[in-house]
Structures are given as structure tokens and as C-alpha cells.
Amino acid sequence: RKPNTEGLNLEAVGVQLDNAGAVK
């Protein structure tokens, strides 16, 4: 996914999703 800059909100709501998405 894109950098945390744009996903700060998503990171707060679901960090797990960001981590899983980052792996793929």
C-alpha cells in the first residue's frame, strides 16, 4: 500500500490490515 502518510487513519483503525497489505 501507499506510505503511512495517506494511511494514518487506516493505521489507527486497523494496523493489522496495513501490515498484511504491506507484505503483499
Protein backbone atom coordinates (compact mmCIF):
# COMPACT_ATOMS: atom_id res chain seq x y z
CA ARG A 1 0.00 0.00 0.00
CA LYS A 2 0.91 3.66 -0.08
CA PRO A 3 3.03 5.23 2.69
CA ASN A 4 1.58 5.64 6.17
CA THR A 5 1.14 9.34 5.35
CA GLU A 6 -2.08 8.60 3.48
CA GLY A 7 -2.99 5.58 5.60
CA LEU A 8 -2.66 7.19 9.02
CA ASN A 9 -6.41 6.89 9.52
CA LEU A 10 -6.43 3.28 8.34
CA GLU A 11 -3.41 2.57 10.50
CA ALA A 12 -5.25 3.79 13.60
CA VAL A 13 -8.37 1.80 12.68
CA GLY A 14 -6.61 -1.38 11.54
CA VAL A 15 -2.82 -1.60 11.74
CA GLN A 16 -3.09 -5.32 11.06
CA LEU A 17 -4.60 -4.64 7.64
CA ASP A 18 -1.71 -2.29 6.77
CA ASN A 19 0.86 -4.88 7.86
CA ALA A 20 -0.85 -7.65 5.90
CA GLY A 21 -1.21 -5.40 2.85
CA ALA A 22 2.41 -4.28 3.10
CA VAL A 23 3.57 -7.89 2.90
CA LYS A 24 1.66 -8.38 -0.34
